[in-house]
PDB file of N, CA and C in Angstrom:
ATOM      1  N   MET A   1     127.408 -47.109  94.878  1.00  0.00           N
ATOM      2  CA  MET A   1     126.758 -47.642  93.581  1.00  0.00           C
ATOM      3  C   MET A   1     127.360 -49.263  94.529  1.00  0.00           C
ATOM      4  N   ALA A   2     127.768 -49.701  94.407  1.00  0.00           N
ATOM      5  CA  ALA A   2     128.003 -50.950  94.675  1.00  0.00           C
ATOM      6  C   ALA A   2     127.725 -51.278  96.347  1.00  0.00           C
ATOM      7  N   ASN A   3     127.576 -50.677  97.285  1.00  0.00           N
ATOM      8  CA  ASN A   3     127.081 -50.460  99.057  1.00  0.00           C
ATOM      9  C   ASN A   3     125.655 -50.657  98.104  1.00  0.00           C
ATOM     10  N   SER A   4     125.174 -49.518  98.169  1.00  0.00           N
ATOM     11  CA  SER A   4     123.406 -49.883  97.501  1.00  0.00           C
ATOM     12  C   SER A   4     123.219 -50.530  97.299  1.00  0.00           C
ATOM     13  N   MET A   5     123.940 -51.512  95.761  1.00  0.00           N
ATOM     14  CA  MET A   5     123.548 -52.363  95.468  1.00  0.00           C
ATOM     15  C   MET A   5     123.404 -54.155  96.404  1.00  0.00           C
ATOM     16  N   TRP A   6     124.276 -53.657  97.541  1.00  0.00           N
ATOM     17  CA  TRP A   6     124.519 -55.183  98.358  1.00  0.00           C
ATOM     18  C   TRP A   6     123.736 -54.452  99.162  1.00  0.00           C
ATOM     19  N   LEU A   7     123.197 -53.609  99.832  1.00  0.00           N
ATOM     20  CA  LEU A   7     122.217 -53.288 100.809  1.00  0.00           C
ATOM     21  C   LEU A   7     120.916 -53.571 100.482  1.00  0.00           C
ATOM     22  N   LYS A   8     120.588 -53.550  98.871  1.00  0.00           N
ATOM     23  CA  LYS A   8     119.528 -54.220  98.250  1.00  0.00           C
ATOM     24  C   LYS A   8     119.179 -55.746  98.496  1.00  0.00           C
ATOM     25  N   ALA A   9     120.610 -56.246  97.965  1.00  0.00           N
ATOM     26  CA  ALA A   9     120.817 -57.556  97.608  1.00  0.00           C
ATOM     27  C   ALA A   9     120.337 -58.287  99.795  1.00  0.00           C
ATOM     28  N   VAL A  10     120.636 -57.305 100.418  1.00  0.00           N
ATOM     29  CA  VAL A  10     120.542 -58.124 102.087  1.00  0.00           C
ATOM     30  C   VAL A  10     118.972 -58.135 102.421  1.00  0.00           C
ATOM     31  N   MET A  11     118.293 -56.863 101.382  1.00  0.00           N
ATOM     32  CA  MET A  11     116.969 -56.179 101.847  1.00  0.00           C
ATOM     33  C   MET A  11     115.916 -57.531 101.421  1.00  0.00           C
ATOM     34  N   ASN A  12     116.636 -57.806 100.179  1.00  0.00           N
ATOM     35  CA  ASN A  12     115.378 -58.737  99.310  1.00  0.00           C
ATOM     36  C   ASN A  12     115.577 -59.916 100.491  1.00  0.00           C
ATOM     37  N   TYR A  13     116.478 -60.621 100.906  1.00  0.00           N
ATOM     38  CA  TYR A  13     116.938 -61.630 101.562  1.00  0.00           C
ATOM     39  C   TYR A  13     116.190 -62.046 102.648  1.00  0.00           C
ATOM     40  N   HIS A  14     115.404 -60.583 103.295  1.00  0.00           N
ATOM     41  CA  HIS A  14     114.982 -60.310 104.335  1.00  0.00           C
ATOM     42  C   HIS A  14     115.479 -61.248 105.491  1.00  0.00           C
ATOM     43  N   MET A  15     116.264 -60.696 105.655  1.00  0.00           N
ATOM     44  CA  MET A  15     117.599 -61.771 106.900  1.00  0.00           C
ATOM     45  C   MET A  15     117.324 -60.782 108.259  1.00  0.00           C
ATOM     46  N   LYS A  16     116.786 -61.101 109.449  1.00  0.00           N
ATOM     47  CA  LYS A  16     117.120 -61.197 110.636  1.00  0.00           C
ATOM     48  C   LYS A  16     118.199 -60.199 111.274  1.00  0.00           C
ATOM     49  N   GLU A  17     118.163 -59.339 111.981  1.00  0.00           N
ATOM     50  CA  GLU A  17     119.394 -58.526 112.567  1.00  0.00           C
ATOM     51  C   GLU A  17     120.216 -59.796 113.218  1.00  0.00           C
ATOM     52  N   LYS A  18     119.530 -60.630 113.618  1.00  0.00           N
ATOM     53  CA  LYS A  18     120.913 -61.375 114.713  1.00  0.00           C
ATOM     54  C   LYS A  18     121.469 -62.110 113.821  1.00  0.00           C
ATOM     55  N   THR A  19     120.946 -62.328 112.714  1.00  0.00           N
ATOM     56  CA  THR A  19     121.318 -63.130 111.536  1.00  0.00           C
ATOM     57  C   THR A  19     122.661 -62.733 110.971  1.00  0.00           C
ATOM     58  N   ILE A  20     122.469 -60.924 110.882  1.00  0.00           N
ATOM     59  CA  ILE A  20     123.387 -60.120 110.250  1.00  0.00           C
ATOM     60  C   ILE A  20     124.489 -59.897 111.255  1.00  0.00           C
ATOM     61  N   VAL A  21     123.877 -59.792 112.408  1.00  0.00           N
ATOM     62  CA  VAL A  21     124.960 -59.378 113.054  1.00  0.00           C
ATOM     63  C   VAL A  21     125.891 -60.582 113.236  1.00  0.00           C
ATOM     64  N   SER A  22     125.254 -61.673 113.746  1.00  0.00           N
ATOM     65  CA  SER A  22     126.017 -62.999 113.675  1.00  0.00           C
ATOM     66  C   SER A  22     126.931 -63.324 112.908  1.00  0.00           C
ATOM     67  N   MET A  23     126.639 -63.271 111.642  1.00  0.00           N
ATOM     68  CA  MET A  23     127.317 -63.655 109.798  1.00  0.00           C
ATOM     69  C   MET A  23     128.611 -62.836 110.135  1.00  0.00           C
ATOM     70  N   CYS A  24     128.467 -61.485 110.525  1.00  0.00           N
ATOM     71  CA  CYS A  24     129.738 -60.583 110.371  1.00  0.00           C
ATOM     72  C   CYS A  24     130.528 -60.803 111.007  1.00  0.00           C
ATOM     73  N   THR A  25     129.894 -61.247 112.701  1.00  0.00           N
ATOM     74  CA  THR A  25     130.625 -61.078 114.076  1.00  0.00           C
ATOM     75  C   THR A  25     132.339 -62.865 112.800  1.00  0.00           C
ATOM     76  N   LEU A  26     131.031 -64.041 113.247  1.00  0.00           N
ATOM     77  CA  LEU A  26     132.040 -64.953 112.708  1.00  0.00           C
ATOM     78  C   LEU A  26     132.883 -64.621 111.255  1.00  0.00           C
ATOM     79  N   LEU A  27     132.429 -64.014 110.417  1.00  0.00           N
ATOM     80  CA  LEU A  27     133.362 -63.352 109.031  1.00  0.00           C
ATOM     81  C   LEU A  27     134.765 -62.783 109.784  1.00  0.00           C
ATOM     82  N   THR A  28     134.393 -61.628 110.155  1.00  0.00           N
ATOM     83  CA  THR A  28     135.233 -61.301 110.943  1.00  0.00           C
ATOM     84  C   THR A  28     136.293 -61.959 111.968  1.00  0.00           C
ATOM     85  N   SER A  29     135.731 -62.750 112.602  1.00  0.00           N
ATOM     86  CA  SER A  29     136.959 -63.221 113.462  1.00  0.00           C
ATOM     87  C   SER A  29     137.682 -64.588 112.949  1.00  0.00           C
ATOM     88  N   LEU A  30     137.173 -64.991 111.589  1.00  0.00           N
ATOM     89  CA  LEU A  30     137.785 -65.985 111.100  1.00  0.00           C
ATOM     90  C   LEU A  30     138.843 -65.336 110.744  1.00  0.00           C
ATOM     91  N   VAL A  31     138.386 -64.459 109.549  1.00  0.00           N
ATOM     92  CA  VAL A  31     139.899 -63.464 108.924  1.00  0.00           C
ATOM     93  C   VAL A  31     140.692 -63.135 110.271  1.00  0.00           C
ATOM     94  N   ALA A  32     140.550 -62.882 111.275  1.00  0.00           N
ATOM     95  CA  ALA A  32     141.325 -62.382 112.235  1.00  0.00           C
ATOM     96  C   ALA A  32     142.088 -63.183 112.808  1.00  0.00           C
ATOM     97  N   TYR A  33     141.669 -64.786 113.234  1.00  0.00           N
ATOM     98  CA  TYR A  33     142.423 -66.090 113.185  1.00  0.00           C
ATOM     99  C   TYR A  33     143.184 -66.545 111.750  1.00  0.00           C
ATOM    100  N   TRP A  34     142.924 -66.388 110.881  1.00  0.00           N
ATOM    101  CA  TRP A  34     143.650 -66.511 109.841  1.00  0.00           C
ATOM    102  C   TRP A  34     145.098 -65.609 109.790  1.00  0.00           C
ATOM    103  N   TYR A  35     144.642 -64.748 110.012  1.00  0.00           N
ATOM    104  CA  TYR A  35     145.621 -63.210 109.958  1.00  0.00           C
ATOM    105  C   TYR A  35     146.774 -64.170 111.077  1.00  0.00           C
ATOM    106  N   ALA A  36     146.162 -63.611 112.357  1.00  0.00           N
ATOM    107  CA  ALA A  36     147.397 -64.875 113.140  1.00  0.00           C
ATOM    108  C   ALA A  36     148.217 -65.601 112.952  1.00  0.00           C
ATOM    109  N   ARG A  37     147.384 -66.798 112.586  1.00  0.00           N
ATOM    110  CA  ARG A  37     148.347 -68.106 112.522  1.00  0.00           C
ATOM    111  C   ARG A  37     148.918 -67.519 110.911  1.00  0.00           C
ATOM    112  N   GLU A  38     148.982 -66.721 110.496  1.00  0.00           N
ATOM    113  CA  GLU A  38     149.447 -66.383 108.827  1.00  0.00           C
ATOM    114  C   GLU A  38     151.099 -66.011 109.856  1.00  0.00           C
ATOM    115  N   ALA A  39     150.909 -64.722 110.709  1.00  0.00           N
ATOM    116  CA  ALA A  39     151.636 -64.178 111.566  1.00  0.00           C
ATOM    117  C   ALA A  39     152.327 -65.077 112.062  1.00  0.00           C
ATOM    118  N   ASN A  40     151.733 -66.412 112.806  1.00  0.00           N
ATOM    119  CA  ASN A  40     152.375 -66.618 113.938  1.00  0.00           C
ATOM    120  C   ASN A  40     152.618 -65.621 115.193  1.00  0.00           C
ATOM    121  N   LYS A  41     151.508 -65.704 115.540  1.00  0.00           N
ATOM    122  CA  LYS A  41     150.885 -64.809 116.606  1.00  0.00           C
ATOM    123  C   LYS A  41     150.297 -65.392 117.613  1.00  0.00           C
ATOM    124  N   ASP A  42     150.285 -65.104 118.537  1.00  0.00           N
ATOM    125  CA  ASP A  42     148.872 -65.637 119.817  1.00  0.00           C
ATOM    126  C   ASP A  42     147.378 -65.419 119.020  1.00  0.00           C
ATOM    127  N   SER A  43     146.884 -66.346 118.601  1.00  0.00           N
ATOM    128  CA  SER A  43     144.804 -65.439 118.147  1.00  0.00           C
ATOM    129  C   SER A  43     144.223 -65.166 118.751  1.00  0.00           C
ATOM    130  N   VAL A  44     144.221 -65.430 120.304  1.00  0.00           N
ATOM    131  CA  VAL A  44     143.003 -65.152 120.943  1.00  0.00           C
ATOM    132  C   VAL A  44     143.025 -63.630 121.164  1.00  0.00           C
ATOM    133  N   PRO A  45     143.746 -62.665 121.333  1.00  0.00           N
ATOM    134  CA  PRO A  45     143.669 -61.240 121.900  1.00  0.00           C
ATOM    135  C   PRO A  45     142.911 -60.874 119.729  1.00  0.00           C
ATOM    136  N   TYR A  46     143.674 -61.595 118.910  1.00  0.00           N
ATOM    137  CA  TYR A  46     143.348 -61.507 117.713  1.00  0.00           C
ATOM    138  C   TYR A  46     141.840 -61.407 117.372  1.00  0.00           C
ATOM    139  N   VAL A  47     141.208 -62.429 117.165  1.00  0.00           N
ATOM    140  CA  VAL A  47     139.701 -63.253 117.412  1.00  0.00           C
ATOM    141  C   VAL A  47     139.229 -62.159 117.973  1.00  0.00           C
ATOM    142  N   MET A  48     139.273 -61.470 119.620  1.00  0.00           N
ATOM    143  CA  MET A  48     138.456 -61.390 119.810  1.00  0.00           C
ATOM    144  C   MET A  48     138.150 -59.783 119.631  1.00  0.00           C
ATOM    145  N   MET A  49     139.057 -59.438 119.120  1.00  0.00           N
ATOM    146  CA  MET A  49     139.262 -58.089 118.716  1.00  0.00           C
ATOM    147  C   MET A  49     137.891 -57.532 117.165  1.00  0.00           C
ATOM    148  N   GLY A  50     138.789 -58.892 116.560  1.00  0.00           N
ATOM    149  CA  GLY A  50     137.841 -59.165 115.121  1.00  0.00           C
ATOM    150  C   GLY A  50     136.575 -59.291 115.344  1.00  0.00           C
ATOM    151  N   GLY A  51     136.262 -60.103 116.525  1.00  0.00           N
ATOM    152  CA  GLY A  51     134.785 -60.317 116.556  1.00  0.00           C
ATOM    153  C   GLY A  51     134.229 -58.963 117.093  1.00  0.00           C
ATOM    154  N   PHE A  52     134.544 -58.679 118.153  1.00  0.00           N
ATOM    155  CA  PHE A  52     134.262 -57.100 118.392  1.00  0.00           C
ATOM    156  C   PHE A  52     133.868 -56.183 117.311  1.00  0.00           C
ATOM    157  N   ILE A  53     134.772 -55.995 116.589  1.00  0.00           N
ATOM    158  CA  ILE A  53     134.385 -55.238 115.304  1.00  0.00           C
ATOM    159  C   ILE A  53     133.587 -55.505 114.330  1.00  0.00           C
ATOM    160  N   GLY A  54     133.541 -57.108 114.179  1.00  0.00           N
ATOM    161  CA  GLY A  54     132.427 -57.605 113.386  1.00  0.00           C
ATOM    162  C   GLY A  54     131.364 -57.228 113.470  1.00  0.00           C
ATOM    163  N   SER A  55     131.327 -57.496 115.192  1.00  0.00           N
ATOM    164  CA  SER A  55     129.749 -57.093 115.927  1.00  0.00           C
ATOM    165  C   SER A  55     129.111 -55.348 115.977  1.00  0.00           C
ATOM    166  N   ILE A  56     130.214 -55.055 115.183  1.00  0.00           N
ATOM    167  CA  ILE A  56     129.616 -53.457 115.173  1.00  0.00           C
ATOM    168  C   ILE A  56     129.253 -53.197 113.810  1.00  0.00           C
ATOM    169  N   ILE A  57     130.464 -53.533 112.909  1.00  0.00           N
ATOM    170  CA  ILE A  57     129.910 -54.124 111.434  1.00  0.00           C
ATOM    171  C   ILE A  57     128.503 -54.025 111.002  1.00  0.00           C
ATOM    172  N   GLY A  58     128.339 -55.711 111.607  1.00  0.00           N
ATOM    173  CA  GLY A  58     127.311 -55.963 111.730  1.00  0.00           C
ATOM    174  C   GLY A  58     125.985 -55.553 112.437  1.00  0.00           C
ATOM    175  N   GLU A  59     126.241 -54.663 113.838  1.00  0.00           N
ATOM    176  CA  GLU A  59     124.884 -53.814 113.450  1.00  0.00           C
ATOM    177  C   GLU A  59     124.425 -52.664 113.139  1.00  0.00           C
ATOM    178  N   SER A  60     125.588 -51.864 112.423  1.00  0.00           N
ATOM    179  CA  SER A  60     125.808 -50.961 111.534  1.00  0.00           C
ATOM    180  C   SER A  60     124.914 -51.147 110.408  1.00  0.00           C
ATOM    181  N   ILE A  61     124.770 -52.557 109.847  1.00  0.00           N
ATOM    182  CA  ILE A  61     124.507 -52.697 108.352  1.00  0.00           C
ATOM    183  C   ILE A  61     123.156 -53.716 108.913  1.00  0.00           C
ATOM    184  N   ALA A  62     122.798 -53.895 110.315  1.00  0.00           N
ATOM    185  CA  ALA A  62     121.599 -54.261 110.390  1.00  0.00           C
ATOM    186  C   ALA A  62     120.286 -52.967 110.303  1.00  0.00           C
ATOM    187  N   GLU A  63     121.279 -52.315 110.870  1.00  0.00           N
ATOM    188  CA  GLU A  63     120.281 -50.676 111.289  1.00  0.00           C
ATOM    189  C   GLU A  63     120.301 -50.051 109.814  1.00  0.00           C
ATOM    190  N   LYS A  64     120.317 -50.088 109.004  1.00  0.00           N
ATOM    191  CA  LYS A  64     120.397 -49.346 107.462  1.00  0.00           C
ATOM    192  C   LYS A  64     119.548 -50.851 106.916  1.00  0.00           C
ATOM    193  N   VAL A  65     119.659 -51.528 107.494  1.00  0.00           N
ATOM    194  CA  VAL A  65     118.642 -52.667 106.091  1.00  0.00           C
ATOM    195  C   VAL A  65     117.539 -51.837 106.984  1.00  0.00           C
ATOM    196  N   SER A  66     117.390 -52.106 108.876  1.00  0.00           N
ATOM    197  CA  SER A  66     115.904 -52.247 109.007  1.00  0.00           C
ATOM    198  C   SER A  66     115.056 -50.598 108.735  1.00  0.00           C
ATOM    199  N   ASP A  67     116.237 -49.670 108.590  1.00  0.00           N
ATOM    200  CA  ASP A  67     115.873 -48.258 108.440  1.00  0.00           C
ATOM    201  C   ASP A  67     115.136 -48.493 107.027  1.00  0.00           C
ATOM    202  N   GLN A  68     115.849 -49.428 105.783  1.00  0.00           N
ATOM    203  CA  GLN A  68     115.435 -49.209 104.299  1.00  0.00           C
ATOM    204  C   GLN A  68     114.062 -50.391 104.463  1.00  0.00           C
ATOM    205  N   THR A  69     113.875 -51.182 105.573  1.00  0.00           N
ATOM    206  CA  THR A  69     112.865 -51.967 105.355  1.00  0.00           C
ATOM    207  C   THR A  69     110.935 -51.119 106.205  1.00  0.00           C
ATOM    208  N   LYS A  70     111.768 -49.854 106.681  1.00  0.00           N
ATOM    209  CA  LYS A  70     110.117 -49.504 107.323  1.00  0.00           C
ATOM    210  C   LYS A  70     109.918 -48.386 106.386  1.00  0.00           C
ATOM    211  N   ARG A  71     111.040 -47.249 105.507  1.00  0.00           N
ATOM    212  CA  ARG A  71     110.198 -46.864 104.797  1.00  0.00           C
ATOM    213  C   ARG A  71     109.178 -47.336 104.116  1.00  0.00           C
TER     214      ARG A  71
END
């Protein structure tokens, strides 16, 4: 239920696919950086993995949004 409400909010905002992917990538990279700094670990691998995972999440969200707008 909450997932569909969030998806509708994103669709109403008319975000481009590139913007959605970039936003998710940035957000997960920052979370990974924050985690690495708090855990006193090298942040580079965490930021790289966070960005990769964020791009996958962003692509899936953008795909769902584009499928919903085409209907």
